[in-house]
């Protein structure tokens, strides 16, 4: 789908004069991210773990939470950690589990729900089972804030509950003993964008800072701090996988988490990195520096695949595994799960597109897709792929055992969770974020389904009355290719880690003259260009899949010819081979320049 290029407004001369030591392109990028004050810029470019990570006791219920946890440890009570089945929830559960084990918890168990049997969050059946097992303390990770009835049931059965979560807060807040959630009403904690793993990390920070920690660790502040920091690899995975804003404290935690991830001590992660072909650069056997991109496209999908295809317990066991043989086997299983997930996903996407074509939904304001016995664990992934392709909200549903379960994804302009809240009476359970949701319908009959679709469509249409939805490609700055050098790249590296609210910068260069066009790749699906720009001769650019008409709308390898004048939106990266490094300009989008007279 063609996108409108939206170039950010140029920074003012006054802003340039205020920071004369910072190059204009870098200032432009900072301004685009809302970073205009010295303190903001310093925290962003030079994050400091000792200064930019907040005191966990700023959470209003933190004192209550750690007091109750230490009481449970002292009294040898059964503590159950209830996580979620995605990468964020699994990492959050591992963070708390490893900490409580180290603090001497003798009766500790973990519960991760099955997507198809248990669904998202805490359910009443789970509470009944935990009560029969004589559970005294339940700690939720990356879930719980939407479980009012379930928490009420737990309290009635003498189970105390501590909720750690970050999802949208409903009107009825559960009567938990303590709630560690940055977005609950009147919560003073300053960073509202923490992931589920990030919130769990704040809890363990508080536990290791608490005066009772000295009983188990002795007066070893350095040991406590080191233990805490070695958990940051899990925080980085959770933050990137759950796509929380990588600004402020979340950015600092992720930045340091990447440092830890690159030298992780976890046997399971080491083997997962290796099997993901990230362990070595194949051309020179040197270690690859892991980035947020590696988490997004290699590590997180494999961790998520456990809960999508089999059970999230395998991913959890991988993260806590100490035995090398066990870790290696678990990494192999997760990789196999991911390969199976890819095959099933491809088939489901094909079936979904056929259904969209048959029902003429490609021009509708929202897409509804449903099929009997589609795997519940994959409907969210299908919704995401369709949302990206059609640029509109998508709800993908599966009918299994008489129930309709669904997952939705939305575009930035439409908050899908607000619609879910307005229709809450239609759901057995639901939850999510502004751009992602999950649900189970109360009435799974054909009539109930059609009623749900009609009401949801009405809400979308109401919102679209005063909105025009057009895909936008945000561009950070217009540059000349002469400006692209290693000095600039060294400064750009300080913008990492990239992620939500801090995307990888995109640049616009106008009036490039094509000198050479080459189709590369096994199926000639990639575009390689040699271009001239101003006084610069022969700069290489690469466009992945720009020879695939189905993916970019035009086969540019066949369309372009030497002498054409083009405008290009691109990203800057590094290409490494045989011990060499060169700056790589990766094409994001391109158009013929209006002065292209050669056609």
Protein backbone atom coordinates (compact mmCIF):
# COMPACT_ATOMS: atom_id res chain seq x y z
CA UNK A 1 0.00 0.00 0.00
CA UNK A 2 1.41 3.36 -1.03
CA UNK A 3 2.22 5.66 1.87
CA UNK A 4 2.31 9.44 2.15
CA UNK A 5 5.77 10.67 3.05
CA UNK A 6 5.64 12.98 6.05
CA UNK A 7 8.85 14.91 6.60
CA UNK A 8 9.29 16.27 10.12
CA UNK A 9 9.27 20.05 10.49
CA UNK A 10 12.77 21.50 10.47
CA UNK A 11 14.22 22.59 13.77
CA UNK A 12 14.51 26.31 14.47
CA UNK A 13 17.70 28.32 14.32
CA UNK A 14 17.24 29.15 18.01
CA UNK A 15 17.30 25.42 18.87
CA UNK A 16 20.51 25.01 16.87
CA UNK A 17 22.11 27.95 18.71
CA UNK A 18 21.10 26.47 22.07
CA UNK A 19 23.10 23.30 21.34
CA UNK A 20 25.90 24.38 18.97
CA UNK A 21 28.03 21.34 19.86
CA UNK A 22 25.44 18.89 18.46
CA UNK A 23 25.26 18.35 14.65
CA UNK A 24 22.07 19.58 13.00
CA UNK A 25 20.91 16.12 11.88
CA UNK A 26 21.26 14.76 15.42
CA UNK A 27 19.39 17.76 16.84
CA UNK A 28 16.62 17.16 14.32
CA UNK A 29 16.27 13.54 15.48
CA UNK A 30 16.19 14.59 19.14
CA UNK A 31 13.55 17.21 18.44
CA UNK A 32 11.42 14.68 16.55
CA UNK A 33 11.35 12.54 19.70
CA UNK A 34 10.29 15.47 21.88
CA UNK A 35 13.73 15.79 23.48
CA UNK A 36 14.44 19.51 23.66
CA UNK A 37 15.78 20.06 27.20
CA UNK A 38 19.35 19.44 28.31
CA UNK A 39 18.29 16.91 30.96
CA UNK A 40 16.16 14.98 28.44
CA UNK A 41 18.93 14.94 25.86
CA UNK A 42 21.55 13.83 28.39
CA UNK A 43 19.33 11.02 29.69
CA UNK A 44 18.59 9.87 26.13
CA UNK A 45 22.11 10.01 24.69
CA UNK A 46 23.96 9.05 27.88
CA UNK A 47 21.61 6.91 30.04
CA UNK A 48 23.01 6.31 33.52
CA UNK A 49 21.75 3.31 35.48
CA UNK A 50 22.61 4.93 38.79
CA UNK A 51 20.61 8.10 38.03
CA UNK A 52 17.93 7.28 35.45
CA UNK A 53 16.36 4.24 37.13
CA UNK A 54 13.70 5.25 39.64
CA UNK A 55 13.34 4.17 43.27
CA UNK A 56 10.94 1.17 43.22
CA UNK A 57 9.35 2.39 46.45
CA UNK A 58 7.81 5.26 44.50
CA UNK A 59 5.09 2.71 43.70
CA UNK A 60 2.35 3.39 46.24
CA UNK A 61 1.82 -0.31 47.12
CA UNK A 62 5.44 -1.46 46.99
CA UNK A 63 5.97 -1.45 50.76
CA UNK A 64 2.88 -3.64 51.21
CA UNK A 65 4.00 -6.00 48.45
CA UNK A 66 7.52 -6.67 49.74
CA UNK A 67 6.35 -6.95 53.35
CA UNK A 68 3.82 -9.63 52.37
CA UNK A 69 6.37 -11.52 50.24
CA UNK A 70 8.94 -11.62 53.04
CA UNK A 71 6.22 -12.73 55.45
CA UNK A 72 5.42 -15.62 53.10
CA UNK A 73 9.11 -16.57 52.86
CA UNK A 74 9.51 -16.40 56.67
CA UNK A 75 6.41 -18.53 57.29
CA UNK A 76 7.30 -21.03 54.53
CA UNK A 77 3.97 -20.40 52.82
CA UNK A 78 3.24 -21.68 49.32
CA UNK A 79 3.84 -18.82 46.86
CA UNK A 80 2.59 -19.21 43.28
CA UNK A 81 3.75 -16.92 40.49
CA UNK A 82 1.10 -16.56 37.78
CA UNK A 83 2.63 -15.37 34.52
CA UNK A 84 1.42 -15.03 30.95
CA UNK A 85 2.19 -17.12 27.88
CA UNK A 86 3.98 -14.46 25.80
CA UNK A 87 7.62 -13.37 25.95
CA UNK A 88 6.84 -10.46 28.26
CA UNK A 89 4.87 -12.58 30.72
CA UNK A 90 7.36 -15.47 30.67
CA UNK A 91 10.31 -13.12 31.28
CA UNK A 92 8.42 -11.37 34.09
CA UNK A 93 7.68 -14.71 35.76
CA UNK A 94 11.32 -15.80 35.45
CA UNK A 95 12.54 -12.51 36.97
CA UNK A 96 10.39 -12.95 40.08
CA UNK A 97 10.92 -16.71 40.35
CA UNK A 98 14.72 -16.48 40.21
CA UNK A 99 14.72 -13.70 42.80
CA UNK A 100 12.43 -15.46 45.29
CA UNK A 101 14.50 -18.63 44.93
CA UNK A 102 17.64 -16.65 45.73
CA UNK A 103 15.92 -15.06 48.73
CA UNK A 104 15.23 -18.49 50.19
CA UNK A 105 11.60 -19.16 49.27
CA UNK A 106 11.21 -22.89 50.00
CA UNK A 107 7.64 -23.39 48.76
CA UNK A 108 7.50 -21.74 45.38
CA UNK A 109 5.60 -22.73 42.26
CA UNK A 110 4.89 -21.27 38.83
CA UNK A 111 1.70 -21.26 36.77
CA UNK A 112 1.64 -20.21 33.12
CA UNK A 113 -1.77 -20.49 31.43
CA UNK A 114 -2.47 -22.57 28.36
CA UNK A 115 -3.82 -20.31 25.60
CA UNK A 116 -6.56 -22.72 24.55
CA UNK A 117 -7.51 -24.21 27.94
CA UNK A 118 -7.04 -21.26 30.31
CA UNK A 119 -7.08 -18.20 28.06
CA UNK A 120 -5.50 -14.88 28.96
CA UNK A 121 -5.10 -13.84 32.58
CA UNK A 122 -6.28 -15.48 35.78
CA UNK A 123 -9.38 -17.67 35.68
CA UNK A 124 -11.62 -19.05 38.42
CA UNK A 125 -10.72 -22.66 37.74
CA UNK A 126 -7.06 -21.83 38.34
CA UNK A 127 -7.96 -20.11 41.64
CA UNK A 128 -9.87 -23.20 42.80
CA UNK A 129 -6.93 -25.47 41.96
CA UNK A 130 -4.49 -23.15 43.76
CA UNK A 131 -6.75 -23.02 46.81
CA UNK A 132 -6.87 -26.84 46.96
CA UNK A 133 -3.06 -26.84 46.85
CA UNK A 134 -3.12 -24.53 49.91
CA UNK A 135 -1.60 -21.55 48.12
CA UNK A 136 -1.27 -18.58 50.48
CA UNK A 137 0.20 -15.93 48.16
CA UNK A 138 -0.42 -15.43 44.44
CA UNK A 139 1.83 -13.03 42.50
CA UNK A 140 0.65 -12.16 39.01
CA UNK A 141 3.03 -11.09 36.23
CA UNK A 142 1.91 -9.22 33.11
CA UNK A 143 -1.74 -9.94 33.97
CA UNK A 144 -4.30 -9.64 36.74
CA UNK A 145 -5.51 -6.06 36.52
CA UNK A 146 -8.63 -7.14 34.57
CA UNK A 147 -9.45 -10.05 36.90
CA UNK A 148 -11.75 -8.47 39.49
CA UNK A 149 -13.96 -11.55 40.03
CA UNK A 150 -11.02 -13.96 40.08
CA UNK A 151 -9.07 -11.92 42.64
CA UNK A 152 -12.23 -11.57 44.75
CA UNK A 153 -12.60 -15.37 44.65
CA UNK A 154 -8.95 -15.83 45.64
CA UNK A 155 -9.32 -13.53 48.65
CA UNK A 156 -12.47 -15.41 49.73
CA UNK A 157 -10.38 -18.60 49.73
CA UNK A 158 -7.67 -17.03 51.93
CA UNK A 159 -5.22 -16.49 49.07
CA UNK A 160 -3.50 -13.11 49.23
CA UNK A 161 -2.83 -11.53 45.84
CA UNK A 162 -0.12 -9.20 44.59
CA UNK A 163 -0.71 -7.94 41.05
CA UNK A 164 2.18 -6.80 38.85
CA UNK A 165 0.84 -5.67 35.49
CA UNK A 166 0.95 -2.88 32.91
CA UNK A 167 -2.14 -3.45 30.75
CA UNK A 168 -5.11 -1.10 30.39
CA UNK A 169 -6.78 -0.46 33.75
CA UNK A 170 -10.51 -1.32 33.86
CA UNK A 171 -13.14 0.59 35.81
CA UNK A 172 -13.34 -2.10 38.50
CA UNK A 173 -9.91 -2.61 40.01
CA UNK A 174 -9.37 -6.01 41.69
CA UNK A 175 -9.27 -6.07 45.53
CA UNK A 176 -5.67 -7.29 45.65
CA UNK A 177 -3.45 -6.93 48.72
CA UNK A 178 -1.06 -4.84 46.62
CA UNK A 179 -1.05 -3.64 43.01
CA UNK A 180 2.22 -2.74 41.30
CA UNK A 181 1.00 -1.09 38.10
CA UNK A 182 2.24 2.27 36.75
CA UNK A 183 -1.15 3.29 35.31
CA UNK A 184 -3.62 2.70 38.14
CA UNK A 185 -5.42 5.86 39.30
CA UNK A 186 -3.35 8.17 41.50
CA UNK A 187 -0.21 6.04 41.05
CA UNK A 188 2.76 8.43 41.53
CA UNK A 189 5.33 6.22 39.83
CA UNK A 190 6.86 8.39 37.06
CA UNK A 191 7.44 5.88 34.22
CA UNK A 192 4.06 4.80 32.83
CA UNK A 193 5.52 2.82 29.93
CA UNK A 194 7.12 -0.17 31.68
CA UNK A 195 6.62 -3.65 30.24
CA UNK A 196 5.30 -6.51 32.35
CA UNK A 197 8.92 -7.61 32.80
CA UNK A 198 9.86 -4.04 33.70
CA UNK A 199 7.20 -3.93 36.44
CA UNK A 200 8.37 -7.31 37.74
CA UNK A 201 11.91 -5.96 37.82
CA UNK A 202 10.81 -3.01 39.98
CA UNK A 203 9.38 -5.52 42.46
CA UNK A 204 12.64 -7.48 42.68
CA UNK A 205 14.58 -4.21 42.98
CA UNK A 206 12.46 -3.40 46.01
CA UNK A 207 12.90 -6.90 47.42
CA UNK A 208 16.69 -6.70 47.21
CA UNK A 209 16.76 -3.18 48.66
CA UNK A 210 14.43 -4.00 51.54
CA UNK A 211 16.01 -4.29 54.97
CA UNK A 212 14.89 -7.92 55.33
CA UNK A 213 17.00 -8.84 52.30
CA UNK A 214 20.07 -8.56 54.49
CA UNK A 215 18.89 -11.57 56.47
CA UNK A 216 19.24 -13.77 53.39
CA UNK A 217 22.09 -12.07 51.61
CA UNK A 218 24.01 -10.64 54.55
CA UNK A 219 25.42 -7.14 54.33
CA UNK A 220 26.45 -7.55 50.69
CA UNK A 221 25.11 -4.56 48.79
CA UNK A 222 27.42 -5.23 45.84
CA UNK A 223 26.16 -8.80 45.54
CA UNK A 224 22.55 -7.59 45.65
CA UNK A 225 23.18 -4.98 42.97
CA UNK A 226 25.00 -7.48 40.73
CA UNK A 227 22.17 -10.01 41.09
CA UNK A 228 19.70 -7.32 40.08
CA UNK A 229 21.67 -6.22 37.02
CA UNK A 230 22.11 -9.76 35.69
CA UNK A 231 18.32 -9.91 35.32
CA UNK A 232 18.31 -7.00 32.88
CA UNK A 233 18.66 -9.29 29.85
CA UNK A 234 15.15 -10.54 30.61
CA UNK A 235 13.87 -6.98 31.03
CA UNK A 236 15.28 -6.05 27.61
CA UNK A 237 13.59 -9.04 25.94
CA UNK A 238 10.25 -8.28 27.60
CA UNK A 239 10.35 -4.55 26.75
CA UNK A 240 11.22 -5.08 23.09
CA UNK A 241 8.89 -8.06 22.61
CA UNK A 242 5.92 -6.19 24.11
CA UNK A 243 6.74 -3.01 22.15
CA UNK A 244 6.56 -0.59 25.07
CA UNK A 245 7.89 2.96 24.53
CA UNK A 246 11.69 2.88 24.67
CA UNK A 247 12.05 6.28 26.29
CA UNK A 248 12.86 7.28 29.86
CA UNK A 249 13.44 4.49 32.36
CA UNK A 250 12.35 1.73 29.95
CA UNK A 251 15.04 2.90 27.53
CA UNK A 252 17.70 2.87 30.25
CA UNK A 253 16.70 -0.61 31.42
CA UNK A 254 16.70 -1.90 27.84
CA UNK A 255 20.02 -0.25 26.97
CA UNK A 256 21.75 -1.89 29.93
CA UNK A 257 19.75 -5.07 29.33
CA UNK A 258 21.27 -5.37 25.86
CA UNK A 259 24.74 -5.12 27.41
CA UNK A 260 23.83 -8.00 29.76
CA UNK A 261 22.19 -9.99 26.93
CA UNK A 262 25.39 -9.81 24.90
CA UNK A 263 27.25 -11.54 27.73
CA UNK A 264 24.35 -13.43 29.33
CA UNK A 265 25.11 -16.17 31.81
CA UNK A 266 21.83 -17.98 31.08
CA UNK A 267 22.51 -21.36 29.49
CA UNK A 268 19.12 -21.35 27.79
CA UNK A 269 19.54 -17.93 26.22
CA UNK A 270 23.05 -18.81 25.06
CA UNK A 271 21.78 -21.86 23.20
CA UNK A 272 18.76 -19.99 21.85
CA UNK A 273 21.06 -17.27 20.50
CA UNK A 274 23.26 -19.91 18.92
CA UNK A 275 20.41 -21.84 17.30
CA UNK A 276 18.94 -18.56 16.04
CA UNK A 277 22.19 -18.16 14.01
CA UNK A 278 23.05 -15.10 16.08
CA UNK A 279 25.99 -16.62 17.91
CA UNK A 280 28.63 -15.86 15.30
CA UNK A 281 29.13 -13.83 12.19
CA UNK A 282 29.35 -16.66 9.67
CA UNK A 283 31.92 -14.91 7.51
CA UNK A 284 34.55 -14.32 10.15
CA UNK A 285 33.30 -16.18 13.29
CA UNK A 286 33.33 -12.98 15.34
CA UNK A 287 30.53 -12.46 17.90
CA UNK A 288 27.50 -10.55 16.64
CA UNK A 289 26.39 -7.58 18.71
CA UNK A 290 22.78 -8.29 19.62
CA UNK A 291 20.32 -5.40 19.16
CA UNK A 292 16.62 -4.78 19.64
CA UNK A 293 16.16 -5.99 16.06
CA UNK A 294 17.60 -9.40 17.01
CA UNK A 295 15.17 -9.61 19.94
CA UNK A 296 12.22 -8.64 17.73
CA UNK A 297 12.94 -10.97 14.83
CA UNK A 298 14.92 -13.88 16.26
CA UNK A 299 14.69 -14.31 20.04
CA UNK A 300 11.18 -13.12 20.97
CA UNK A 301 9.43 -15.11 18.20
CA UNK A 302 11.07 -18.30 19.45
CA UNK A 303 10.11 -17.58 23.07
CA UNK A 304 6.56 -16.71 21.97
CA UNK A 305 6.36 -19.84 19.81
CA UNK A 306 6.28 -22.05 22.91
CA UNK A 307 2.97 -20.55 24.05
CA UNK A 308 1.57 -20.34 20.53
CA UNK A 309 2.26 -23.91 19.42
CA UNK A 310 2.88 -25.96 22.60
CA UNK A 311 3.05 -24.48 26.11
CA UNK A 312 4.88 -21.49 27.57
CA UNK A 313 6.36 -23.71 30.29
CA UNK A 314 9.11 -24.70 27.84
CA UNK A 315 10.11 -21.06 27.35
CA UNK A 316 10.09 -20.47 31.12
CA UNK A 317 12.23 -23.55 31.77
CA UNK A 318 14.67 -22.37 29.10
CA UNK A 319 15.11 -19.01 30.87
CA UNK A 320 15.81 -20.59 34.27
CA UNK A 321 17.73 -23.68 33.09
CA UNK A 322 21.10 -24.28 34.72
CA UNK A 323 21.89 -27.64 33.11
CA UNK A 324 23.59 -27.28 29.71
CA UNK A 325 22.04 -30.39 28.17
CA UNK A 326 18.55 -29.38 29.28
CA UNK A 327 19.08 -25.83 28.02
CA UNK A 328 20.29 -27.05 24.63
CA UNK A 329 17.30 -29.39 24.21
CA UNK A 330 14.84 -26.67 25.22
CA UNK A 331 16.41 -24.25 22.73
CA UNK A 332 16.06 -26.91 20.03
CA UNK A 333 12.39 -27.42 20.95
CA UNK A 334 11.64 -23.69 20.84
CA UNK A 335 13.33 -23.39 17.47
CA UNK A 336 11.29 -26.31 16.15
CA UNK A 337 8.11 -24.75 17.55
CA UNK A 338 8.95 -21.53 15.74
CA UNK A 339 9.46 -23.35 12.43
CA UNK A 340 6.10 -25.07 12.88
CA UNK A 341 4.52 -21.73 13.78
CA UNK A 342 5.86 -20.17 10.57
CA UNK A 343 4.34 -22.92 8.40
CA UNK A 344 0.93 -22.74 10.09
CA UNK A 345 0.98 -18.93 9.99
CA UNK A 346 1.64 -18.88 6.26
CA UNK A 347 -1.34 -21.20 5.67
CA UNK A 348 -3.62 -19.15 7.95
CA UNK A 349 -2.68 -15.85 6.28
CA UNK A 350 -3.51 -17.36 2.89
CA UNK A 351 -6.89 -18.60 4.16
CA UNK A 352 -7.63 -15.24 5.80
CA UNK A 353 -6.87 -13.30 2.61
CA UNK A 354 -9.13 -15.61 0.62
CA UNK A 355 -11.92 -14.90 3.11
CA UNK A 356 -11.30 -11.14 2.86
CA UNK A 357 -11.53 -11.29 -0.93
CA UNK A 358 -14.70 -13.40 -0.85
CA UNK A 359 -16.44 -10.94 1.50
CA UNK A 360 -15.05 -7.78 -0.18
CA UNK A 361 -13.64 -6.51 3.12
CA UNK A 362 -10.53 -4.96 1.60
CA UNK A 363 -12.45 -1.67 1.27
CA UNK A 364 -14.28 -1.92 4.62
CA UNK A 365 -13.15 0.22 7.63
CA UNK A 366 -12.42 -2.93 9.66
CA UNK A 367 -11.70 -6.54 8.77
CA UNK A 368 -13.34 -9.50 10.54
CA UNK A 369 -11.96 -12.97 9.83
CA UNK A 370 -13.12 -16.19 11.49
CA UNK A 371 -12.55 -19.88 10.92
CA UNK A 372 -13.32 -22.97 12.93
CA UNK A 373 -10.42 -24.58 14.82
CA UNK A 374 -7.73 -22.08 13.90
CA UNK A 375 -5.05 -22.27 16.66
CA UNK A 376 -5.89 -19.69 19.33
CA UNK A 377 -2.20 -18.97 19.83
CA UNK A 378 -1.75 -17.71 16.28
CA UNK A 379 -4.79 -15.50 15.67
CA UNK A 380 -3.02 -12.44 17.10
CA UNK A 381 -0.08 -12.98 14.77
CA UNK A 382 -2.43 -13.21 11.77
CA UNK A 383 -4.25 -10.06 12.89
CA UNK A 384 -0.94 -8.22 13.09
CA UNK A 385 0.14 -9.27 9.59
CA UNK A 386 -3.23 -8.31 8.06
CA UNK A 387 -3.31 -4.99 9.94
CA UNK A 388 0.12 -4.09 8.57
CA UNK A 389 -0.85 -5.04 5.01
CA UNK A 390 -4.31 -3.46 4.82
CA UNK A 391 -3.66 -0.59 7.26
CA UNK A 392 -6.94 -0.90 9.15
CA UNK A 393 -8.15 -2.59 12.36
CA UNK A 394 -8.37 -6.38 12.10
CA UNK A 395 -10.15 -8.88 14.35
CA UNK A 396 -9.20 -12.52 13.74
CA UNK A 397 -11.35 -15.14 15.46
CA UNK A 398 -11.41 -18.88 15.88
CA UNK A 399 -14.37 -21.05 16.89
CA UNK A 400 -13.22 -23.87 19.13
CA UNK A 401 -15.29 -26.15 21.38
CA UNK A 402 -18.35 -23.93 21.03
CA UNK A 403 -16.48 -20.74 21.99
CA UNK A 404 -15.37 -17.83 19.83
CA UNK A 405 -11.95 -16.51 20.82
CA UNK A 406 -10.38 -13.58 19.03
CA UNK A 407 -7.44 -11.26 18.83
CA UNK A 408 -7.33 -7.76 17.37
CA UNK A 409 -4.69 -5.39 16.07
CA UNK A 410 -5.19 -1.77 15.14
CA UNK A 411 -3.51 1.21 13.53
CA UNK A 412 -2.22 4.21 15.49
CA UNK A 413 -5.25 6.33 14.63
CA UNK A 414 -7.80 3.96 16.22
CA UNK A 415 -7.72 2.82 19.87
CA UNK A 416 -9.18 -0.66 19.67
CA UNK A 417 -9.33 -1.13 23.46
CA UNK A 418 -11.74 1.79 23.87
CA UNK A 419 -14.15 -0.10 21.64
CA UNK A 420 -13.69 -3.26 23.71
CA UNK A 421 -14.48 -1.38 26.91
CA UNK A 422 -17.67 0.08 25.42
CA UNK A 423 -18.78 -3.43 24.41
CA UNK A 424 -17.56 -5.15 27.58
CA UNK A 425 -20.99 -6.71 28.19
CA UNK A 426 -20.44 -8.86 25.07
CA UNK A 427 -17.28 -10.54 26.38
CA UNK A 428 -16.67 -13.40 28.71
CA UNK A 429 -13.19 -11.91 29.13
CA UNK A 430 -11.05 -9.38 27.32
CA UNK A 431 -7.93 -7.25 27.72
CA UNK A 432 -5.08 -5.58 25.92
CA UNK A 433 -3.60 -2.29 24.73
CA UNK A 434 -4.79 0.55 22.43
CA UNK A 435 -3.43 -1.31 19.38
CA UNK A 436 -3.80 -4.93 20.52
CA UNK A 437 -6.51 -6.91 22.26
CA UNK A 438 -7.72 -10.41 23.03
CA UNK A 439 -11.25 -11.57 23.87
CA UNK A 440 -13.75 -14.39 24.25
CA UNK A 441 -17.38 -13.75 23.28
CA UNK A 442 -20.18 -14.55 25.76
CA UNK A 443 -22.55 -15.47 22.96
CA UNK A 444 -20.75 -17.62 20.41
CA UNK A 445 -23.81 -18.34 18.28
CA UNK A 446 -24.01 -16.98 14.74
CA UNK A 447 -26.45 -14.36 16.01
CA UNK A 448 -24.07 -13.36 18.81
CA UNK A 449 -21.17 -13.09 16.38
CA UNK A 450 -23.12 -10.93 13.94
CA UNK A 451 -24.32 -8.68 16.76
CA UNK A 452 -20.73 -8.22 17.97
CA UNK A 453 -19.47 -7.43 14.47
CA UNK A 454 -22.27 -4.92 13.86
CA UNK A 455 -21.73 -3.06 17.13
CA UNK A 456 -17.96 -2.99 16.67
CA UNK A 457 -18.33 -1.72 13.09
CA UNK A 458 -20.73 1.00 14.29
CA UNK A 459 -18.15 2.24 16.79
CA UNK A 460 -15.43 2.29 14.13
CA UNK A 461 -17.69 4.19 11.72
CA UNK A 462 -18.52 6.75 14.41
CA UNK A 463 -14.84 7.43 14.98
CA UNK A 464 -14.11 7.68 11.26
CA UNK A 465 -16.70 10.42 10.74
CA UNK A 466 -14.10 13.06 11.56
CA UNK A 467 -10.95 11.13 10.62
CA UNK A 468 -9.22 10.41 7.36
CA UNK A 469 -7.07 7.29 7.57
CA UNK A 470 -4.07 7.42 5.26
CA UNK A 471 -0.89 5.36 5.75
CA UNK A 472 1.91 7.71 6.73
CA UNK A 473 5.65 7.13 6.44
CA UNK A 474 7.28 9.46 9.00
CA UNK A 475 10.68 10.81 7.88
CA UNK A 476 13.12 12.30 10.36
CA UNK A 477 15.24 14.49 8.13
CA UNK A 478 16.20 15.35 4.58
CA UNK A 479 19.90 14.82 3.94
CA UNK A 480 22.50 14.76 1.22
CA UNK A 481 24.30 11.44 0.83
CA UNK A 482 27.52 13.40 1.26
CA UNK A 483 26.60 13.78 4.95
CA UNK A 484 26.50 10.01 5.55
CA UNK A 485 29.84 9.08 7.12
CA UNK A 486 31.25 7.17 10.07
CA UNK A 487 31.28 10.24 12.35
CA UNK A 488 27.54 10.64 11.86
CA UNK A 489 26.95 6.91 12.33
CA UNK A 490 28.86 6.92 15.62
CA UNK A 491 26.47 9.58 16.91
CA UNK A 492 23.46 7.74 15.54
CA UNK A 493 24.45 4.64 17.51
CA UNK A 494 23.66 6.59 20.66
CA UNK A 495 19.99 6.51 19.62
CA UNK A 496 19.92 2.77 20.17
CA UNK A 497 18.07 0.85 21.46
CA UNK A 498 15.40 1.47 18.83
CA UNK A 499 11.80 0.55 19.47
CA UNK A 500 8.38 1.95 20.19
CA UNK A 501 8.41 5.81 20.35
CA UNK A 502 12.07 5.70 19.32
CA UNK A 503 12.01 4.13 15.86
CA UNK A 504 15.11 3.67 13.76
CA UNK A 505 15.65 7.05 12.06
CA UNK A 506 14.55 7.41 8.44
CA UNK A 507 16.10 9.90 6.04
CA UNK A 508 15.04 11.40 2.74
CA UNK A 509 17.41 12.07 -0.16
CA UNK A 510 15.92 13.75 -3.24
CA UNK A 511 17.16 13.83 -6.79
CA UNK A 512 19.40 10.76 -6.83
CA UNK A 513 20.57 9.71 -10.28
CA UNK A 514 20.52 5.97 -10.87
CA UNK A 515 23.88 4.77 -12.25
CA UNK A 516 23.31 1.01 -12.04
CA UNK A 517 20.37 -1.31 -11.30
CA UNK A 518 20.85 -4.92 -10.23
CA UNK A 519 18.46 -7.62 -9.02
CA UNK A 520 20.07 -9.72 -6.27
CA UNK A 521 19.00 -12.57 -4.00
CA UNK A 522 18.07 -16.18 -4.71
CA UNK A 523 14.87 -15.16 -6.50
CA UNK A 524 16.14 -11.77 -7.66
CA UNK A 525 13.77 -10.29 -5.09
CA UNK A 526 16.14 -7.60 -3.79
CA UNK A 527 17.14 -4.33 -5.46
CA UNK A 528 20.74 -3.12 -5.49
CA UNK A 529 21.38 0.41 -6.72
CA UNK A 530 24.41 2.52 -7.49
CA UNK A 531 23.43 6.19 -7.32
CA UNK A 532 24.94 9.66 -7.71
CA UNK A 533 23.96 12.58 -5.51
CA UNK A 534 25.25 16.13 -5.77
CA UNK A 535 29.05 15.81 -5.82
CA UNK A 536 28.98 12.23 -4.54
CA UNK A 537 29.65 9.48 -7.07
CA UNK A 538 28.54 5.86 -6.86
CA UNK A 539 26.88 5.31 -3.47
CA UNK A 540 25.41 1.83 -2.96
CA UNK A 541 21.83 1.29 -1.72
CA UNK A 542 19.95 -1.94 -1.05
CA UNK A 543 16.18 -2.47 -1.14
CA UNK A 544 15.09 -5.78 0.36
CA UNK A 545 12.09 -7.29 -1.48
CA UNK A 546 11.93 -4.31 -3.86
CA UNK A 547 11.97 -6.80 -6.71
CA UNK A 548 8.84 -8.47 -5.33
CA UNK A 549 5.73 -6.82 -6.77
CA UNK A 550 3.47 -8.50 -4.20
CA UNK A 551 5.28 -6.87 -1.29
CA UNK A 552 6.01 -3.34 -2.54
CA UNK A 553 3.47 -2.94 -5.33
CA UNK A 554 6.05 -2.69 -8.11
CA UNK A 555 9.06 -4.65 -9.32
CA UNK A 556 11.61 -1.85 -9.11
CA UNK A 557 14.36 -4.09 -10.45
CA UNK A 558 12.55 -4.16 -13.80
CA UNK A 559 11.05 -0.67 -13.62
CA UNK A 560 14.19 1.40 -12.94
CA UNK A 561 16.98 2.04 -15.44
CA UNK A 562 20.24 4.02 -15.44
CA UNK A 563 19.65 7.75 -15.76
CA UNK A 564 16.37 7.73 -13.80
CA UNK A 565 16.10 10.36 -11.07
CA UNK A 566 14.58 9.12 -7.82
CA UNK A 567 13.74 10.20 -4.28
CA UNK A 568 14.56 7.64 -1.60
CA UNK A 569 13.63 7.13 2.05
CA UNK A 570 16.31 5.03 3.75
CA UNK A 571 17.86 3.86 6.99
CA UNK A 572 21.57 3.70 7.81
CA UNK A 573 23.14 0.47 9.04
CA UNK A 574 26.43 -1.44 8.85
CA UNK A 575 27.17 -4.29 6.48
CA UNK A 576 29.92 -6.68 7.64
CA UNK A 577 31.68 -9.32 5.56
CA UNK A 578 35.10 -10.99 5.70
CA UNK A 579 36.19 -8.70 8.51
CA UNK A 580 35.21 -5.58 6.57
CA UNK A 581 32.64 -2.97 7.55
CA UNK A 582 30.83 -0.49 5.36
CA UNK A 583 27.88 1.83 5.85
CA UNK A 584 24.77 0.40 4.27
CA UNK A 585 21.86 2.53 3.04
CA UNK A 586 18.74 0.38 3.31
CA UNK A 587 15.85 1.56 1.13
CA UNK A 588 12.52 1.92 2.98
CA UNK A 589 10.57 3.46 0.09
CA UNK A 590 11.30 5.17 -3.22
CA UNK A 591 9.57 7.22 -5.90
CA UNK A 592 10.46 8.69 -9.27
CA UNK A 593 11.51 12.29 -8.80
CA UNK A 594 9.17 14.84 -10.45
CA UNK A 595 12.16 16.02 -12.48
CA UNK A 596 12.64 12.54 -13.93
CA UNK A 597 12.64 13.51 -17.61
CA UNK A 598 14.20 10.30 -18.88
CA UNK A 599 10.83 8.47 -19.00
